[in-house]
Structures are given as structure tokens and as C-alpha cells.
Amino acid sequence: MSFDSQISNFYEKLVVDELGHRSELADVGDDMLIDMACVALNQLPARYYRYSVDMAFYLPASEMQKMEDDVTKAVEYAISFVQSRSSRS
């Protein structure tokens, strides 16, 4: 197992989950969803972990709520940004 496969950014999962829960994006193609995820992630700080159980166990509920709120805002911005760029094409 290589070094780079043992670390992950917790925000990646949160952003992917948020995009997946949005019914208005059901007909959006993978390329556009990936663009939205990248734009959203660029609005957020990195939060790296090695084992997901560590994040679940040690992260206070208040901090998790703030992270989820930040993800919602970042995804809303990303959707607007990517859709406005694609409508120009």
C-alpha cells in the first residue's frame, strides 16, 4: 500500500454526499458534477485523516455541524458557478 492511498480529505466525502442528495442535479452529467465538486472543494479548507473512525470519534458535534454548513454553502456556490459557465457555451 502506498503512502498516498492512506490519507483522505474529509471534505471530499461531505461534498460528494451533498451533491448526491440534491434532487435538482439528478439529470446532471458526471463531468458537470465533478466540476461542481472541484469548485466546492476549492472553497473549503483541507481536513485530512488516515482512518475515518478517527474523524467520527474525535470530531465534536458542533464542529461537524459547522463543516456541513460550510459544505452546503460551498456546493450552492459551485452549482451556480458551473451552471452559469455552462450556459455561456
PDB file of N, CA and C in Angstrom:
ATOM      1  N   MET A   1       0.859  -1.168   0.000  1.00  0.00           N
ATOM      2  CA  MET A   1       0.000   0.000   0.000  1.00  0.00           C
ATOM      3  C   MET A   1       0.905   1.230   0.000  1.00  0.00           C
ATOM      4  N   SER A   2       0.610   2.161  -0.876  1.00  0.00           N
ATOM      5  CA  SER A   2       1.447   3.352  -0.964  1.00  0.00           C
ATOM      6  C   SER A   2       0.962   4.448  -0.017  1.00  0.00           C
ATOM      7  N   PHE A   3       1.844   5.360   0.250  1.00  0.00           N
ATOM      8  CA  PHE A   3       1.582   6.465   1.171  1.00  0.00           C
ATOM      9  C   PHE A   3       0.340   7.250   0.772  1.00  0.00           C
ATOM     10  N   ASP A   4       0.211   7.610  -0.507  1.00  0.00           N
ATOM     11  CA  ASP A   4      -0.883   8.477  -0.942  1.00  0.00           C
ATOM     12  C   ASP A   4      -2.253   7.817  -0.874  1.00  0.00           C
ATOM     13  N   SER A   5      -2.313   6.519  -0.780  1.00  0.00           N
ATOM     14  CA  SER A   5      -3.615   5.857  -0.678  1.00  0.00           C
ATOM     15  C   SER A   5      -4.081   5.723   0.772  1.00  0.00           C
ATOM     16  N   GLN A   6      -3.277   6.204   1.716  1.00  0.00           N
ATOM     17  CA  GLN A   6      -3.612   6.072   3.130  1.00  0.00           C
ATOM     18  C   GLN A   6      -4.129   7.359   3.761  1.00  0.00           C
ATOM     19  N   ILE A   7      -4.230   8.430   2.985  1.00  0.00           N
ATOM     20  CA  ILE A   7      -4.741   9.687   3.515  1.00  0.00           C
ATOM     21  C   ILE A   7      -5.899  10.172   2.647  1.00  0.00           C
ATOM     22  N   SER A   8      -6.854  10.828   3.291  1.00  0.00           N
ATOM     23  CA  SER A   8      -8.027  11.337   2.577  1.00  0.00           C
ATOM     24  C   SER A   8      -8.420  12.688   3.142  1.00  0.00           C
ATOM     25  N   ASN A   9      -9.111  13.467   2.332  1.00  0.00           N
ATOM     26  CA  ASN A   9      -9.649  14.755   2.760  1.00  0.00           C
ATOM     27  C   ASN A   9     -11.112  14.531   3.128  1.00  0.00           C
ATOM     28  N   PHE A  10     -11.461  14.771   4.375  1.00  0.00           N
ATOM     29  CA  PHE A  10     -12.814  14.515   4.866  1.00  0.00           C
ATOM     30  C   PHE A  10     -13.863  15.316   4.101  1.00  0.00           C
ATOM     31  N   TYR A  11     -13.501  16.521   3.644  1.00  0.00           N
ATOM     32  CA  TYR A  11     -14.450  17.348   2.906  1.00  0.00           C
ATOM     33  C   TYR A  11     -14.865  16.713   1.573  1.00  0.00           C
ATOM     34  N   GLU A  12     -14.011  15.873   0.988  1.00  0.00           N
ATOM     35  CA  GLU A  12     -14.370  15.231  -0.281  1.00  0.00           C
ATOM     36  C   GLU A  12     -15.640  14.401  -0.125  1.00  0.00           C
ATOM     37  N   LYS A  13     -15.699  13.617   0.933  1.00  0.00           N
ATOM     38  CA  LYS A  13     -16.888  12.783   1.177  1.00  0.00           C
ATOM     39  C   LYS A  13     -18.107  13.659   1.430  1.00  0.00           C
ATOM     40  N   LEU A  14     -17.947  14.705   2.221  1.00  0.00           N
ATOM     41  CA  LEU A  14     -19.078  15.585   2.529  1.00  0.00           C
ATOM     42  C   LEU A  14     -19.617  16.257   1.265  1.00  0.00           C
ATOM     43  N   VAL A  15     -18.718  16.715   0.399  1.00  0.00           N
ATOM     44  CA  VAL A  15     -19.141  17.380  -0.839  1.00  0.00           C
ATOM     45  C   VAL A  15     -19.838  16.380  -1.770  1.00  0.00           C
ATOM     46  N   VAL A  16     -19.276  15.215  -1.947  1.00  0.00           N
ATOM     47  CA  VAL A  16     -19.891  14.198  -2.807  1.00  0.00           C
ATOM     48  C   VAL A  16     -21.270  13.815  -2.267  1.00  0.00           C
ATOM     49  N   ASP A  17     -21.385  13.651  -0.960  1.00  0.00           N
ATOM     50  CA  ASP A  17     -22.685  13.319  -0.360  1.00  0.00           C
ATOM     51  C   ASP A  17     -23.696  14.444  -0.587  1.00  0.00           C
ATOM     52  N   GLU A  18     -23.269  15.689  -0.399  1.00  0.00           N
ATOM     53  CA  GLU A  18     -24.167  16.835  -0.588  1.00  0.00           C
ATOM     54  C   GLU A  18     -24.644  16.917  -2.036  1.00  0.00           C
ATOM     55  N   LEU A  19     -23.744  16.747  -2.976  1.00  0.00           N
ATOM     56  CA  LEU A  19     -24.146  16.772  -4.392  1.00  0.00           C
ATOM     57  C   LEU A  19     -25.107  15.624  -4.703  1.00  0.00           C
ATOM     58  N   GLY A  20     -24.861  14.466  -4.115  1.00  0.00           N
ATOM     59  CA  GLY A  20     -25.709  13.299  -4.354  1.00  0.00           C
ATOM     60  C   GLY A  20     -27.101  13.426  -3.791  1.00  0.00           C
ATOM     61  N   HIS A  21     -27.284  14.251  -2.762  1.00  0.00           N
ATOM     62  CA  HIS A  21     -28.596  14.426  -2.138  1.00  0.00           C
ATOM     63  C   HIS A  21     -29.447  15.495  -2.815  1.00  0.00           C
ATOM     64  N   ARG A  22     -28.913  16.188  -3.778  1.00  0.00           N
ATOM     65  CA  ARG A  22     -29.636  17.296  -4.411  1.00  0.00           C
ATOM     66  C   ARG A  22     -30.441  16.784  -5.600  1.00  0.00           C
ATOM     67  N   SER A  23     -31.744  16.755  -5.428  1.00  0.00           N
ATOM     68  CA  SER A  23     -32.623  16.226  -6.479  1.00  0.00           C
ATOM     69  C   SER A  23     -32.566  17.053  -7.757  1.00  0.00           C
ATOM     70  N   GLU A  24     -32.259  18.348  -7.639  1.00  0.00           N
ATOM     71  CA  GLU A  24     -32.201  19.190  -8.837  1.00  0.00           C
ATOM     72  C   GLU A  24     -31.014  18.839  -9.731  1.00  0.00           C
ATOM     73  N   LEU A  25     -30.112  17.996  -9.241  1.00  0.00           N
ATOM     74  CA  LEU A  25     -28.944  17.598 -10.024  1.00  0.00           C
ATOM     75  C   LEU A  25     -29.073  16.188 -10.591  1.00  0.00           C
ATOM     76  N   ALA A  26     -30.254  15.604 -10.483  1.00  0.00           N
ATOM     77  CA  ALA A  26     -30.449  14.214 -10.906  1.00  0.00           C
ATOM     78  C   ALA A  26     -30.107  13.995 -12.381  1.00  0.00           C
ATOM     79  N   ASP A  27     -30.347  14.985 -13.220  1.00  0.00           N
ATOM     80  CA  ASP A  27     -30.097  14.830 -14.653  1.00  0.00           C
ATOM     81  C   ASP A  27     -28.769  15.433 -15.105  1.00  0.00           C
ATOM     82  N   VAL A  28     -27.971  15.887 -14.164  1.00  0.00           N
ATOM     83  CA  VAL A  28     -26.680  16.496 -14.500  1.00  0.00           C
ATOM     84  C   VAL A  28     -25.656  15.393 -14.754  1.00  0.00           C
ATOM     85  N   GLY A  29     -24.862  15.555 -15.797  1.00  0.00           N
ATOM     86  CA  GLY A  29     -23.856  14.556 -16.154  1.00  0.00           C
ATOM     87  C   GLY A  29     -22.677  14.530 -15.193  1.00  0.00           C
ATOM     88  N   ASP A  30     -21.939  13.443 -15.243  1.00  0.00           N
ATOM     89  CA  ASP A  30     -20.797  13.255 -14.349  1.00  0.00           C
ATOM     90  C   ASP A  30     -19.749  14.351 -14.507  1.00  0.00           C
ATOM     91  N   ASP A  31     -19.480  14.775 -15.739  1.00  0.00           N
ATOM     92  CA  ASP A  31     -18.464  15.810 -15.948  1.00  0.00           C
ATOM     93  C   ASP A  31     -18.822  17.094 -15.205  1.00  0.00           C
ATOM     94  N   MET A  32     -20.087  17.492 -15.272  1.00  0.00           N
ATOM     95  CA  MET A  32     -20.509  18.709 -14.603  1.00  0.00           C
ATOM     96  C   MET A  32     -20.496  18.524 -13.084  1.00  0.00           C
ATOM     97  N   LEU A  33     -20.893  17.353 -12.604  1.00  0.00           N
ATOM     98  CA  LEU A  33     -20.853  17.079 -11.160  1.00  0.00           C
ATOM     99  C   LEU A  33     -19.419  17.121 -10.638  1.00  0.00           C
ATOM    100  N   ILE A  34     -18.496  16.585 -11.406  1.00  0.00           N
ATOM    101  CA  ILE A  34     -17.091  16.610 -10.999  1.00  0.00           C
ATOM    102  C   ILE A  34     -16.587  18.049 -10.956  1.00  0.00           C
ATOM    103  N   ASP A  35     -16.969  18.850 -11.950  1.00  0.00           N
ATOM    104  CA  ASP A  35     -16.601  20.270 -11.930  1.00  0.00           C
ATOM    105  C   ASP A  35     -17.171  20.956 -10.696  1.00  0.00           C
ATOM    106  N   MET A  36     -18.416  20.666 -10.365  1.00  0.00           N
ATOM    107  CA  MET A  36     -19.042  21.257  -9.180  1.00  0.00           C
ATOM    108  C   MET A  36     -18.310  20.833  -7.912  1.00  0.00           C
ATOM    109  N   ALA A  37     -17.937  19.576  -7.834  1.00  0.00           N
ATOM    110  CA  ALA A  37     -17.209  19.093  -6.656  1.00  0.00           C
ATOM    111  C   ALA A  37     -15.872  19.811  -6.522  1.00  0.00           C
ATOM    112  N   CYS A  38     -15.160  19.989  -7.631  1.00  0.00           N
ATOM    113  CA  CYS A  38     -13.865  20.673  -7.582  1.00  0.00           C
ATOM    114  C   CYS A  38     -14.022  22.125  -7.153  1.00  0.00           C
ATOM    115  N   VAL A  39     -15.014  22.818  -7.707  1.00  0.00           N
ATOM    116  CA  VAL A  39     -15.238  24.220  -7.326  1.00  0.00           C
ATOM    117  C   VAL A  39     -15.597  24.304  -5.840  1.00  0.00           C
ATOM    118  N   ALA A  40     -16.472  23.428  -5.377  1.00  0.00           N
ATOM    119  CA  ALA A  40     -16.856  23.431  -3.960  1.00  0.00           C
ATOM    120  C   ALA A  40     -15.648  23.153  -3.064  1.00  0.00           C
ATOM    121  N   LEU A  41     -14.853  22.156  -3.413  1.00  0.00           N
ATOM    122  CA  LEU A  41     -13.695  21.808  -2.586  1.00  0.00           C
ATOM    123  C   LEU A  41     -12.672  22.942  -2.545  1.00  0.00           C
ATOM    124  N   ASN A  42     -12.583  23.700  -3.607  1.00  0.00           N
ATOM    125  CA  ASN A  42     -11.659  24.837  -3.607  1.00  0.00           C
ATOM    126  C   ASN A  42     -12.134  25.965  -2.697  1.00  0.00           C
ATOM    127  N   GLN A  43     -13.384  25.921  -2.258  1.00  0.00           N
ATOM    128  CA  GLN A  43     -13.921  26.916  -1.324  1.00  0.00           C
ATOM    129  C   GLN A  43     -13.721  26.498   0.133  1.00  0.00           C
ATOM    130  N   LEU A  44     -13.256  25.291   0.344  1.00  0.00           N
ATOM    131  CA  LEU A  44     -13.175  24.714   1.691  1.00  0.00           C
ATOM    132  C   LEU A  44     -11.729  24.429   2.087  1.00  0.00           C
ATOM    133  N   PRO A  45     -11.452  24.438   3.388  1.00  0.00           N
ATOM    134  CA  PRO A  45     -10.104  24.048   3.823  1.00  0.00           C
ATOM    135  C   PRO A  45      -9.943  22.533   3.696  1.00  0.00           C
ATOM    136  N   ALA A  46      -8.737  22.087   3.693  1.00  0.00           N
ATOM    137  CA  ALA A  46      -8.482  20.641   3.690  1.00  0.00           C
ATOM    138  C   ALA A  46      -8.572  20.125   5.121  1.00  0.00           C
ATOM    139  N   ARG A  47      -9.126  18.938   5.262  1.00  0.00           N
ATOM    140  CA  ARG A  47      -9.217  18.298   6.592  1.00  0.00           C
ATOM    141  C   ARG A  47      -8.860  16.832   6.384  1.00  0.00           C
ATOM    142  N   TYR A  48      -7.580  16.538   6.539  1.00  0.00           N
ATOM    143  CA  TYR A  48      -7.082  15.207   6.226  1.00  0.00           C
ATOM    144  C   TYR A  48      -7.189  14.257   7.412  1.00  0.00           C
ATOM    145  N   TYR A  49      -7.367  12.982   7.084  1.00  0.00           N
ATOM    146  CA  TYR A  49      -7.402  11.935   8.096  1.00  0.00           C
ATOM    147  C   TYR A  49      -6.830  10.668   7.494  1.00  0.00           C
ATOM    148  N   ARG A  50      -6.453   9.778   8.354  1.00  0.00           N
ATOM    149  CA  ARG A  50      -5.957   8.479   7.901  1.00  0.00           C
ATOM    150  C   ARG A  50      -7.046   7.417   8.045  1.00  0.00           C
ATOM    151  N   TYR A  51      -7.727   7.421   9.177  1.00  0.00           N
ATOM    152  CA  TYR A  51      -8.789   6.443   9.430  1.00  0.00           C
ATOM    153  C   TYR A  51     -10.093   7.194   9.677  1.00  0.00           C
ATOM    154  N   SER A  52     -11.124   6.846   8.932  1.00  0.00           N
ATOM    155  CA  SER A  52     -12.394   7.564   9.057  1.00  0.00           C
ATOM    156  C   SER A  52     -12.978   7.448  10.463  1.00  0.00           C
ATOM    157  N   VAL A  53     -12.699   6.378  11.155  1.00  0.00           N
ATOM    158  CA  VAL A  53     -13.209   6.223  12.517  1.00  0.00           C
ATOM    159  C   VAL A  53     -12.664   7.327  13.424  1.00  0.00           C
ATOM    160  N   ASP A  54     -11.447   7.802  13.149  1.00  0.00           N
ATOM    161  CA  ASP A  54     -10.885   8.897  13.954  1.00  0.00           C
ATOM    162  C   ASP A  54     -11.719  10.158  13.800  1.00  0.00           C
ATOM    163  N   MET A  55     -12.139  10.471  12.591  1.00  0.00           N
ATOM    164  CA  MET A  55     -12.954  11.669  12.362  1.00  0.00           C
ATOM    165  C   MET A  55     -14.296  11.524  13.068  1.00  0.00           C
ATOM    166  N   ALA A  56     -14.900  10.379  12.963  1.00  0.00           N
ATOM    167  CA  ALA A  56     -16.216  10.169  13.564  1.00  0.00           C
ATOM    168  C   ALA A  56     -16.149  10.219  15.093  1.00  0.00           C
ATOM    169  N   PHE A  57     -15.078   9.702  15.669  1.00  0.00           N
ATOM    170  CA  PHE A  57     -14.981   9.607  17.121  1.00  0.00           C
ATOM    171  C   PHE A  57     -14.508  10.902  17.772  1.00  0.00           C
ATOM    172  N   TYR A  58     -13.545  11.571  17.169  1.00  0.00           N
ATOM    173  CA  TYR A  58     -12.911  12.726  17.811  1.00  0.00           C
ATOM    174  C   TYR A  58     -13.470  14.080  17.396  1.00  0.00           C
ATOM    175  N   LEU A  59     -14.298  14.137  16.390  1.00  0.00           N
ATOM    176  CA  LEU A  59     -14.830  15.407  15.906  1.00  0.00           C
ATOM    177  C   LEU A  59     -16.056  15.801  16.727  1.00  0.00           C
ATOM    178  N   PRO A  60     -16.020  16.942  17.416  1.00  0.00           N
ATOM    179  CA  PRO A  60     -17.188  17.376  18.197  1.00  0.00           C
ATOM    180  C   PRO A  60     -18.394  17.635  17.284  1.00  0.00           C
ATOM    181  N   ALA A  61     -19.578  17.411  17.796  1.00  0.00           N
ATOM    182  CA  ALA A  61     -20.803  17.597  17.009  1.00  0.00           C
ATOM    183  C   ALA A  61     -20.921  19.017  16.478  1.00  0.00           C
ATOM    184  N   SER A  62     -20.514  19.991  17.257  1.00  0.00           N
ATOM    185  CA  SER A  62     -20.611  21.384  16.816  1.00  0.00           C
ATOM    186  C   SER A  62     -19.684  21.661  15.631  1.00  0.00           C
ATOM    187  N   GLU A  63     -18.513  21.058  15.651  1.00  0.00           N
ATOM    188  CA  GLU A  63     -17.582  21.245  14.530  1.00  0.00           C
ATOM    189  C   GLU A  63     -18.095  20.533  13.280  1.00  0.00           C
ATOM    190  N   MET A  64     -18.672  19.359  13.466  1.00  0.00           N
ATOM    191  CA  MET A  64     -19.244  18.632  12.329  1.00  0.00           C
ATOM    192  C   MET A  64     -20.390  19.428  11.712  1.00  0.00           C
ATOM    193  N   GLN A  65     -21.223  20.033  12.534  1.00  0.00           N
ATOM    194  CA  GLN A  65     -22.333  20.845  12.025  1.00  0.00           C
ATOM    195  C   GLN A  65     -21.812  22.032  11.232  1.00  0.00           C
ATOM    196  N   LYS A  66     -20.760  22.671  11.733  1.00  0.00           N
ATOM    197  CA  LYS A  66     -20.161  23.797  11.008  1.00  0.00           C
ATOM    198  C   LYS A  66     -19.591  23.339   9.670  1.00  0.00           C
ATOM    199  N   MET A  67     -18.937  22.195   9.659  1.00  0.00           N
ATOM    200  CA  MET A  67     -18.382  21.663   8.411  1.00  0.00           C
ATOM    201  C   MET A  67     -19.505  21.387   7.409  1.00  0.00           C
ATOM    202  N   GLU A  68     -20.602  20.798   7.874  1.00  0.00           N
ATOM    203  CA  GLU A  68     -21.734  20.514   6.987  1.00  0.00           C
ATOM    204  C   GLU A  68     -22.351  21.801   6.452  1.00  0.00           C
ATOM    205  N   ASP A  69     -22.470  22.815   7.299  1.00  0.00           N
ATOM    206  CA  ASP A  69     -22.998  24.114   6.853  1.00  0.00           C
ATOM    207  C   ASP A  69     -22.079  24.743   5.809  1.00  0.00           C
ATOM    208  N   ASP A  70     -20.779  24.673   6.039  1.00  0.00           N
ATOM    209  CA  ASP A  70     -19.809  25.217   5.092  1.00  0.00           C
ATOM    210  C   ASP A  70     -19.874  24.480   3.756  1.00  0.00           C
ATOM    211  N   VAL A  71     -20.064  23.168   3.810  1.00  0.00           N
ATOM    212  CA  VAL A  71     -20.180  22.371   2.587  1.00  0.00           C
ATOM    213  C   VAL A  71     -21.429  22.766   1.811  1.00  0.00           C
ATOM    214  N   THR A  72     -22.537  22.956   2.504  1.00  0.00           N
ATOM    215  CA  THR A  72     -23.780  23.359   1.840  1.00  0.00           C
ATOM    216  C   THR A  72     -23.576  24.680   1.096  1.00  0.00           C
ATOM    217  N   LYS A  73     -22.948  25.647   1.751  1.00  0.00           N
ATOM    218  CA  LYS A  73     -22.689  26.939   1.112  1.00  0.00           C
ATOM    219  C   LYS A  73     -21.741  26.797  -0.077  1.00  0.00           C
ATOM    220  N   ALA A  74     -20.703  26.011   0.078  1.00  0.00           N
ATOM    221  CA  ALA A  74     -19.729  25.821  -0.996  1.00  0.00           C
ATOM    222  C   ALA A  74     -20.362  25.116  -2.199  1.00  0.00           C
ATOM    223  N   VAL A  75     -21.219  24.141  -1.939  1.00  0.00           N
ATOM    224  CA  VAL A  75     -21.884  23.421  -3.027  1.00  0.00           C
ATOM    225  C   VAL A  75     -22.881  24.331  -3.736  1.00  0.00           C
ATOM    226  N   GLU A  76     -23.614  25.135  -2.995  1.00  0.00           N
ATOM    227  CA  GLU A  76     -24.542  26.077  -3.619  1.00  0.00           C
ATOM    228  C   GLU A  76     -23.794  27.042  -4.537  1.00  0.00           C
ATOM    229  N   TYR A  77     -22.663  27.549  -4.062  1.00  0.00           N
ATOM    230  CA  TYR A  77     -21.835  28.430  -4.893  1.00  0.00           C
ATOM    231  C   TYR A  77     -21.356  27.677  -6.139  1.00  0.00           C
ATOM    232  N   ALA A  78     -20.871  26.460  -5.960  1.00  0.00           N
ATOM    233  CA  ALA A  78     -20.325  25.678  -7.068  1.00  0.00           C
ATOM    234  C   ALA A  78     -21.386  25.379  -8.126  1.00  0.00           C
ATOM    235  N   ILE A  79     -22.585  25.038  -7.693  1.00  0.00           N
ATOM    236  CA  ILE A  79     -23.669  24.764  -8.643  1.00  0.00           C
ATOM    237  C   ILE A  79     -23.935  26.006  -9.481  1.00  0.00           C
ATOM    238  N   SER A  80     -24.075  27.123  -8.824  1.00  0.00           N
ATOM    239  CA  SER A  80     -24.342  28.383  -9.524  1.00  0.00           C
ATOM    240  C   SER A  80     -23.202  28.728 -10.478  1.00  0.00           C
ATOM    241  N   PHE A  81     -21.982  28.607 -10.005  1.00  0.00           N
ATOM    242  CA  PHE A  81     -20.807  28.943 -10.795  1.00  0.00           C
ATOM    243  C   PHE A  81     -20.712  28.067 -12.050  1.00  0.00           C
ATOM    244  N   VAL A  82     -20.805  26.757 -11.875  1.00  0.00           N
ATOM    245  CA  VAL A  82     -20.647  25.834 -13.008  1.00  0.00           C
ATOM    246  C   VAL A  82     -21.808  25.972 -13.985  1.00  0.00           C
ATOM    247  N   GLN A  83     -23.033  26.093 -13.472  1.00  0.00           N
ATOM    248  CA  GLN A  83     -24.172  26.233 -14.370  1.00  0.00           C
ATOM    249  C   GLN A  83     -24.104  27.533 -15.151  1.00  0.00           C
ATOM    250  N   SER A  84     -23.642  28.607 -14.545  1.00  0.00           N
ATOM    251  CA  SER A  84     -23.545  29.866 -15.264  1.00  0.00           C
ATOM    252  C   SER A  84     -22.476  29.794 -16.353  1.00  0.00           C
ATOM    253  N   ARG A  85     -21.403  29.064 -16.106  1.00  0.00           N
ATOM    254  CA  ARG A  85     -20.352  28.895 -17.111  1.00  0.00           C
ATOM    255  C   ARG A  85     -20.809  27.998 -18.253  1.00  0.00           C
ATOM    256  N   SER A  86     -21.589  26.968 -17.935  1.00  0.00           N
ATOM    257  CA  SER A  86     -22.020  26.037 -18.985  1.00  0.00           C
ATOM    258  C   SER A  86     -23.105  26.656 -19.866  1.00  0.00           C
ATOM    259  N   SER A  87     -23.883  27.594 -19.330  1.00  0.00           N
ATOM    260  CA  SER A  87     -24.926  28.220 -20.132  1.00  0.00           C
ATOM    261  C   SER A  87     -24.333  29.213 -21.128  1.00  0.00           C
ATOM    262  N   ARG A  88     -23.099  29.614 -20.905  1.00  0.00           N
ATOM    263  CA  ARG A  88     -22.417  30.533 -21.833  1.00  0.00           C
ATOM    264  C   ARG A  88     -21.900  29.816 -23.065  1.00  0.00           C
ATOM    265  N   SER A  89     -21.759  28.491 -22.969  1.00  0.00           N
ATOM    266  CA  SER A  89     -21.199  27.716 -24.096  1.00  0.00           C
ATOM    267  C   SER A  89     -22.197  27.504 -25.198  1.00  0.00           C
TER     268      SER A  89
END
